[in-house]
Amino acid sequence: METKLERIIKELGLKKGFVAEKAGISRSAFSLIVTGKSVPTVQAALRIAKVLNKSVEDIWGHLVEEEDNASNHQD
């Protein structure tokens, strides 16, 4: 399943390696972040968002909303 970060990168017509380099993240670490297998540090998330000209919330905000919804349904 495609992550929101992956979709944004594709929509902007950018290469993952370019984004990783500009954000100062190794390609292997960035690959894990893009596929959702790893969560970026706050600093890395801010740098990725800056490269993509997006907010952190634009990229990962849906994860917080999903987590909030899941916790609200646990009774």
PDB file of N, CA and C in Angstrom:
ATOM      1  N   MET A   1       0.839  -1.185   0.000  1.00  0.00           N
ATOM      2  CA  MET A   1       0.000   0.000   0.000  1.00  0.00           C
ATOM      3  C   MET A   1       0.885   1.251   0.000  1.00  0.00           C
ATOM      4  N   GLU A   2       0.532   2.185  -0.814  1.00  0.00           N
ATOM      5  CA  GLU A   2       1.295   3.423  -0.942  1.00  0.00           C
ATOM      6  C   GLU A   2       1.050   4.343   0.256  1.00  0.00           C
ATOM      7  N   THR A   3       2.128   4.879   0.811  1.00  0.00           N
ATOM      8  CA  THR A   3       1.997   5.816   1.928  1.00  0.00           C
ATOM      9  C   THR A   3       1.709   7.215   1.385  1.00  0.00           C
ATOM     10  N   LYS A   4       1.251   8.075   2.268  1.00  0.00           N
ATOM     11  CA  LYS A   4       0.967   9.454   1.861  1.00  0.00           C
ATOM     12  C   LYS A   4       2.255  10.147   1.412  1.00  0.00           C
ATOM     13  N   LEU A   5       3.365   9.884   2.116  1.00  0.00           N
ATOM     14  CA  LEU A   5       4.646  10.469   1.731  1.00  0.00           C
ATOM     15  C   LEU A   5       5.031  10.039   0.324  1.00  0.00           C
ATOM     16  N   GLU A   6       4.869   8.764   0.043  1.00  0.00           N
ATOM     17  CA  GLU A   6       5.187   8.242  -1.288  1.00  0.00           C
ATOM     18  C   GLU A   6       4.325   8.918  -2.358  1.00  0.00           C
ATOM     19  N   ARG A   7       3.056   9.078  -2.050  1.00  0.00           N
ATOM     20  CA  ARG A   7       2.121   9.720  -2.994  1.00  0.00           C
ATOM     21  C   ARG A   7       2.514  11.177  -3.253  1.00  0.00           C
ATOM     22  N   ILE A   8       2.886  11.898  -2.193  1.00  0.00           N
ATOM     23  CA  ILE A   8       3.291  13.301  -2.347  1.00  0.00           C
ATOM     24  C   ILE A   8       4.539  13.405  -3.219  1.00  0.00           C
ATOM     25  N   ILE A   9       5.506  12.545  -2.979  1.00  0.00           N
ATOM     26  CA  ILE A   9       6.742  12.561  -3.770  1.00  0.00           C
ATOM     27  C   ILE A   9       6.428  12.323  -5.245  1.00  0.00           C
ATOM     28  N   LYS A  10       5.563  11.357  -5.519  1.00  0.00           N
ATOM     29  CA  LYS A  10       5.176  11.065  -6.910  1.00  0.00           C
ATOM     30  C   LYS A  10       4.442  12.251  -7.544  1.00  0.00           C
ATOM     31  N   GLU A  11       3.494  12.827  -6.774  1.00  0.00           N
ATOM     32  CA  GLU A  11       2.711  13.958  -7.289  1.00  0.00           C
ATOM     33  C   GLU A  11       3.600  15.144  -7.641  1.00  0.00           C
ATOM     34  N   LEU A  12       4.662  15.332  -6.862  1.00  0.00           N
ATOM     35  CA  LEU A  12       5.581  16.439  -7.123  1.00  0.00           C
ATOM     36  C   LEU A  12       6.603  16.105  -8.205  1.00  0.00           C
ATOM     37  N   GLY A  13       6.617  14.852  -8.645  1.00  0.00           N
ATOM     38  CA  GLY A  13       7.537  14.437  -9.698  1.00  0.00           C
ATOM     39  C   GLY A  13       8.987  14.379  -9.251  1.00  0.00           C
ATOM     40  N   LEU A  14       9.184  14.105  -7.964  1.00  0.00           N
ATOM     41  CA  LEU A  14      10.539  14.062  -7.423  1.00  0.00           C
ATOM     42  C   LEU A  14      11.036  12.628  -7.288  1.00  0.00           C
ATOM     43  N   LYS A  15      12.332  12.478  -7.231  1.00  0.00           N
ATOM     44  CA  LYS A  15      12.955  11.179  -6.993  1.00  0.00           C
ATOM     45  C   LYS A  15      13.207  11.047  -5.499  1.00  0.00           C
ATOM     46  N   LYS A  16      13.027   9.849  -4.977  1.00  0.00           N
ATOM     47  CA  LYS A  16      13.235   9.618  -3.546  1.00  0.00           C
ATOM     48  C   LYS A  16      14.670   9.941  -3.141  1.00  0.00           C
ATOM     49  N   GLY A  17      15.622   9.590  -3.975  1.00  0.00           N
ATOM     50  CA  GLY A  17      17.026   9.869  -3.672  1.00  0.00           C
ATOM     51  C   GLY A  17      17.296  11.363  -3.553  1.00  0.00           C
ATOM     52  N   PHE A  18      16.655  12.149  -4.394  1.00  0.00           N
ATOM     53  CA  PHE A  18      16.798  13.607  -4.346  1.00  0.00           C
ATOM     54  C   PHE A  18      16.274  14.146  -3.020  1.00  0.00           C
ATOM     55  N   VAL A  19      15.078  13.691  -2.630  1.00  0.00           N
ATOM     56  CA  VAL A  19      14.474  14.170  -1.384  1.00  0.00           C
ATOM     57  C   VAL A  19      15.348  13.770  -0.198  1.00  0.00           C
ATOM     58  N   ALA A  20      15.816  12.534  -0.197  1.00  0.00           N
ATOM     59  CA  ALA A  20      16.677  12.057   0.892  1.00  0.00           C
ATOM     60  C   ALA A  20      17.935  12.909   1.001  1.00  0.00           C
ATOM     61  N   GLU A  21      18.565  13.176  -0.128  1.00  0.00           N
ATOM     62  CA  GLU A  21      19.795  13.967  -0.131  1.00  0.00           C
ATOM     63  C   GLU A  21      19.541  15.383   0.380  1.00  0.00           C
ATOM     64  N   LYS A  22      18.499  16.030  -0.126  1.00  0.00           N
ATOM     65  CA  LYS A  22      18.195  17.397   0.285  1.00  0.00           C
ATOM     66  C   LYS A  22      17.807  17.471   1.762  1.00  0.00           C
ATOM     67  N   ALA A  23      17.196  16.401   2.291  1.00  0.00           N
ATOM     68  CA  ALA A  23      16.795  16.369   3.692  1.00  0.00           C
ATOM     69  C   ALA A  23      17.927  15.908   4.608  1.00  0.00           C
ATOM     70  N   GLY A  24      19.038  15.487   4.011  1.00  0.00           N
ATOM     71  CA  GLY A  24      20.179  15.054   4.808  1.00  0.00           C
ATOM     72  C   GLY A  24      19.972  13.706   5.477  1.00  0.00           C
ATOM     73  N   ILE A  25      19.247  12.828   4.787  1.00  0.00           N
ATOM     74  CA  ILE A  25      18.931  11.497   5.314  1.00  0.00           C
ATOM     75  C   ILE A  25      19.501  10.456   4.359  1.00  0.00           C
ATOM     76  N   SER A  26      20.044   9.383   4.897  1.00  0.00           N
ATOM     77  CA  SER A  26      20.572   8.331   4.024  1.00  0.00           C
ATOM     78  C   SER A  26      19.433   7.743   3.191  1.00  0.00           C
ATOM     79  N   ARG A  27      19.768   7.257   2.022  1.00  0.00           N
ATOM     80  CA  ARG A  27      18.739   6.686   1.147  1.00  0.00           C
ATOM     81  C   ARG A  27      18.065   5.483   1.798  1.00  0.00           C
ATOM     82  N   SER A  28      18.856   4.679   2.503  1.00  0.00           N
ATOM     83  CA  SER A  28      18.270   3.480   3.131  1.00  0.00           C
ATOM     84  C   SER A  28      17.296   3.869   4.240  1.00  0.00           C
ATOM     85  N   ALA A  29      17.663   4.841   5.064  1.00  0.00           N
ATOM     86  CA  ALA A  29      16.756   5.295   6.129  1.00  0.00           C
ATOM     87  C   ALA A  29      15.519   5.938   5.521  1.00  0.00           C
ATOM     88  N   PHE A  30      15.712   6.739   4.476  1.00  0.00           N
ATOM     89  CA  PHE A  30      14.582   7.400   3.831  1.00  0.00           C
ATOM     90  C   PHE A  30      13.629   6.380   3.217  1.00  0.00           C
ATOM     91  N   SER A  31      14.186   5.332   2.643  1.00  0.00           N
ATOM     92  CA  SER A  31      13.363   4.276   2.054  1.00  0.00           C
ATOM     93  C   SER A  31      12.449   3.650   3.104  1.00  0.00           C
ATOM     94  N   LEU A  32      12.977   3.418   4.296  1.00  0.00           N
ATOM     95  CA  LEU A  32      12.163   2.858   5.380  1.00  0.00           C
ATOM     96  C   LEU A  32      11.067   3.825   5.803  1.00  0.00           C
ATOM     97  N   ILE A  33      11.380   5.113   5.816  1.00  0.00           N
ATOM     98  CA  ILE A  33      10.383   6.130   6.176  1.00  0.00           C
ATOM     99  C   ILE A  33       9.287   6.186   5.109  1.00  0.00           C
ATOM    100  N   VAL A  34       9.687   6.189   3.851  1.00  0.00           N
ATOM    101  CA  VAL A  34       8.722   6.281   2.741  1.00  0.00           C
ATOM    102  C   VAL A  34       7.766   5.099   2.735  1.00  0.00           C
ATOM    103  N   THR A  35       8.284   3.914   3.025  1.00  0.00           N
ATOM    104  CA  THR A  35       7.431   2.722   2.991  1.00  0.00           C
ATOM    105  C   THR A  35       6.626   2.526   4.272  1.00  0.00           C
ATOM    106  N   GLY A  36       6.857   3.393   5.261  1.00  0.00           N
ATOM    107  CA  GLY A  36       6.107   3.301   6.503  1.00  0.00           C
ATOM    108  C   GLY A  36       6.663   2.287   7.482  1.00  0.00           C
ATOM    109  N   LYS A  37       7.850   1.761   7.196  1.00  0.00           N
ATOM    110  CA  LYS A  37       8.470   0.774   8.087  1.00  0.00           C
ATOM    111  C   LYS A  37       9.242   1.432   9.217  1.00  0.00           C
ATOM    112  N   SER A  38       9.447   2.735   9.120  1.00  0.00           N
ATOM    113  CA  SER A  38      10.150   3.492  10.149  1.00  0.00           C
ATOM    114  C   SER A  38       9.493   4.855  10.286  1.00  0.00           C
ATOM    115  N   VAL A  39       9.530   5.380  11.496  1.00  0.00           N
ATOM    116  CA  VAL A  39       8.984   6.709  11.762  1.00  0.00           C
ATOM    117  C   VAL A  39      10.164   7.675  11.879  1.00  0.00           C
ATOM    118  N   PRO A  40      10.114   8.793  11.164  1.00  0.00           N
ATOM    119  CA  PRO A  40      11.242   9.729  11.224  1.00  0.00           C
ATOM    120  C   PRO A  40      11.312  10.450  12.572  1.00  0.00           C
ATOM    121  N   THR A  41      12.508  10.893  12.917  1.00  0.00           N
ATOM    122  CA  THR A  41      12.644  11.761  14.086  1.00  0.00           C
ATOM    123  C   THR A  41      11.936  13.075  13.757  1.00  0.00           C
ATOM    124  N   VAL A  42      11.690  13.871  14.759  1.00  0.00           N
ATOM    125  CA  VAL A  42      11.056  15.169  14.531  1.00  0.00           C
ATOM    126  C   VAL A  42      11.914  15.999  13.581  1.00  0.00           C
ATOM    127  N   GLN A  43      13.229  15.996  13.814  1.00  0.00           N
ATOM    128  CA  GLN A  43      14.128  16.777  12.966  1.00  0.00           C
ATOM    129  C   GLN A  43      14.078  16.296  11.514  1.00  0.00           C
ATOM    130  N   ALA A  44      14.096  14.989  11.317  1.00  0.00           N
ATOM    131  CA  ALA A  44      14.046  14.445   9.957  1.00  0.00           C
ATOM    132  C   ALA A  44      12.704  14.766   9.300  1.00  0.00           C
ATOM    133  N   ALA A  45      11.618  14.643  10.056  1.00  0.00           N
ATOM    134  CA  ALA A  45      10.285  14.956   9.517  1.00  0.00           C
ATOM    135  C   ALA A  45      10.207  16.407   9.079  1.00  0.00           C
ATOM    136  N   LEU A  46      10.766  17.307   9.885  1.00  0.00           N
ATOM    137  CA  LEU A  46      10.764  18.727   9.528  1.00  0.00           C
ATOM    138  C   LEU A  46      11.587  18.982   8.264  1.00  0.00           C
ATOM    139  N   ARG A  47      12.730  18.321   8.147  1.00  0.00           N
ATOM    140  CA  ARG A  47      13.571  18.513   6.952  1.00  0.00           C
ATOM    141  C   ARG A  47      12.894  17.952   5.703  1.00  0.00           C
ATOM    142  N   ILE A  48      12.264  16.793   5.830  1.00  0.00           N
ATOM    143  CA  ILE A  48      11.545  16.204   4.687  1.00  0.00           C
ATOM    144  C   ILE A  48      10.415  17.136   4.264  1.00  0.00           C
ATOM    145  N   ALA A  49       9.649  17.609   5.232  1.00  0.00           N
ATOM    146  CA  ALA A  49       8.528  18.513   4.926  1.00  0.00           C
ATOM    147  C   ALA A  49       9.024  19.774   4.228  1.00  0.00           C
ATOM    148  N   LYS A  50      10.148  20.306   4.681  1.00  0.00           N
ATOM    149  CA  LYS A  50      10.698  21.525   4.068  1.00  0.00           C
ATOM    150  C   LYS A  50      11.082  21.280   2.616  1.00  0.00           C
ATOM    151  N   VAL A  51      11.720  20.140   2.349  1.00  0.00           N
ATOM    152  CA  VAL A  51      12.106  19.806   0.973  1.00  0.00           C
ATOM    153  C   VAL A  51      10.868  19.705   0.083  1.00  0.00           C
ATOM    154  N   LEU A  52       9.799  19.142   0.617  1.00  0.00           N
ATOM    155  CA  LEU A  52       8.571  18.936  -0.164  1.00  0.00           C
ATOM    156  C   LEU A  52       7.650  20.151  -0.150  1.00  0.00           C
ATOM    157  N   ASN A  53       8.049  21.196   0.604  1.00  0.00           N
ATOM    158  CA  ASN A  53       7.225  22.399   0.743  1.00  0.00           C
ATOM    159  C   ASN A  53       5.831  22.057   1.285  1.00  0.00           C
ATOM    160  N   LYS A  54       5.828  21.182   2.278  1.00  0.00           N
ATOM    161  CA  LYS A  54       4.594  20.748   2.948  1.00  0.00           C
ATOM    162  C   LYS A  54       4.800  20.897   4.443  1.00  0.00           C
ATOM    163  N   SER A  55       3.719  20.806   5.188  1.00  0.00           N
ATOM    164  CA  SER A  55       3.851  20.773   6.644  1.00  0.00           C
ATOM    165  C   SER A  55       3.967  19.312   7.078  1.00  0.00           C
ATOM    166  N   VAL A  56       4.494  19.105   8.272  1.00  0.00           N
ATOM    167  CA  VAL A  56       4.573  17.755   8.824  1.00  0.00           C
ATOM    168  C   VAL A  56       3.166  17.162   8.901  1.00  0.00           C
ATOM    169  N   GLU A  57       2.185  17.989   9.260  1.00  0.00           N
ATOM    170  CA  GLU A  57       0.805  17.524   9.350  1.00  0.00           C
ATOM    171  C   GLU A  57       0.269  17.081   7.995  1.00  0.00           C
ATOM    172  N   ASP A  58       0.672  17.785   6.920  1.00  0.00           N
ATOM    173  CA  ASP A  58       0.244  17.384   5.575  1.00  0.00           C
ATOM    174  C   ASP A  58       0.711  15.967   5.256  1.00  0.00           C
ATOM    175  N   ILE A  59       1.892  15.624   5.739  1.00  0.00           N
ATOM    176  CA  ILE A  59       2.494  14.337   5.396  1.00  0.00           C
ATOM    177  C   ILE A  59       2.086  13.226   6.355  1.00  0.00           C
ATOM    178  N   TRP A  60       2.119  13.504   7.664  1.00  0.00           N
ATOM    179  CA  TRP A  60       1.879  12.454   8.662  1.00  0.00           C
ATOM    180  C   TRP A  60       0.681  12.709   9.560  1.00  0.00           C
ATOM    181  N   GLY A  61      -0.042  13.791   9.370  1.00  0.00           N
ATOM    182  CA  GLY A  61      -1.170  14.120  10.237  1.00  0.00           C
ATOM    183  C   GLY A  61      -2.240  13.052  10.283  1.00  0.00           C
ATOM    184  N   HIS A  62      -2.458  12.376   9.167  1.00  0.00           N
ATOM    185  CA  HIS A  62      -3.484  11.329   9.122  1.00  0.00           C
ATOM    186  C   HIS A  62      -3.170  10.191  10.090  1.00  0.00           C
ATOM    187  N   LEU A  63      -1.889   9.956  10.395  1.00  0.00           N
ATOM    188  CA  LEU A  63      -1.522   8.893  11.326  1.00  0.00           C
ATOM    189  C   LEU A  63      -1.992   9.216  12.737  1.00  0.00           C
ATOM    190  N   VAL A  64      -1.914  10.479  13.114  1.00  0.00           N
ATOM    191  CA  VAL A  64      -2.383  10.904  14.432  1.00  0.00           C
ATOM    192  C   VAL A  64      -3.901  10.756  14.493  1.00  0.00           C
ATOM    193  N   GLU A  65      -4.584  11.148  13.419  1.00  0.00           N
ATOM    194  CA  GLU A  65      -6.040  11.036  13.380  1.00  0.00           C
ATOM    195  C   GLU A  65      -6.477   9.582  13.471  1.00  0.00           C
ATOM    196  N   GLU A  66      -5.771   8.685  12.761  1.00  0.00           N
ATOM    197  CA  GLU A  66      -6.100   7.258  12.813  1.00  0.00           C
ATOM    198  C   GLU A  66      -5.888   6.714  14.213  1.00  0.00           C
ATOM    199  N   GLU A  67      -4.795   7.125  14.857  1.00  0.00           N
ATOM    200  CA  GLU A  67      -4.496   6.678  16.213  1.00  0.00           C
ATOM    201  C   GLU A  67      -5.557   7.189  17.189  1.00  0.00           C
ATOM    202  N   ASP A  68      -5.967   8.454  17.030  1.00  0.00           N
ATOM    203  CA  ASP A  68      -7.013   9.016  17.886  1.00  0.00           C
ATOM    204  C   ASP A  68      -8.326   8.256  17.715  1.00  0.00           C
ATOM    205  N   ASN A  69      -8.678   7.957  16.480  1.00  0.00           N
ATOM    206  CA  ASN A  69      -9.916   7.229  16.218  1.00  0.00           C
ATOM    207  C   ASN A  69      -9.869   5.826  16.815  1.00  0.00           C
ATOM    208  N   ALA A  70      -8.729   5.168  16.718  1.00  0.00           N
ATOM    209  CA  ALA A  70      -8.598   3.812  17.260  1.00  0.00           C
ATOM    210  C   ALA A  70      -8.725   3.832  18.778  1.00  0.00           C
ATOM    211  N   SER A  71      -8.116   4.819  19.420  1.00  0.00           N
ATOM    212  CA  SER A  71      -8.182   4.882  20.885  1.00  0.00           C
ATOM    213  C   SER A  71      -9.568   5.262  21.371  1.00  0.00           C
ATOM    214  N   ASN A  72     -10.318   6.002  20.566  1.00  0.00           N
ATOM    215  CA  ASN A  72     -11.684   6.386  20.942  1.00  0.00           C
ATOM    216  C   ASN A  72     -12.645   5.203  20.852  1.00  0.00           C
ATOM    217  N   HIS A  73     -12.284   4.193  20.063  1.00  0.00           N
ATOM    218  CA  HIS A  73     -13.157   3.033  19.892  1.00  0.00           C
ATOM    219  C   HIS A  73     -12.813   1.889  20.819  1.00  0.00           C
ATOM    220  N   GLN A  74     -11.844   2.074  21.695  1.00  0.00           N
ATOM    221  CA  GLN A  74     -11.471   1.027  22.653  1.00  0.00           C
ATOM    222  C   GLN A  74     -12.213   1.257  23.961  1.00  0.00           C
ATOM    223  N   ASP A  75     -13.191   0.449  24.214  1.00  0.00           N
ATOM    224  CA  ASP A  75     -13.958   0.556  25.468  1.00  0.00           C
ATOM    225  C   ASP A  75     -14.060  -0.783  26.137  1.00  0.00           C
TER     226      ASP A  75
END
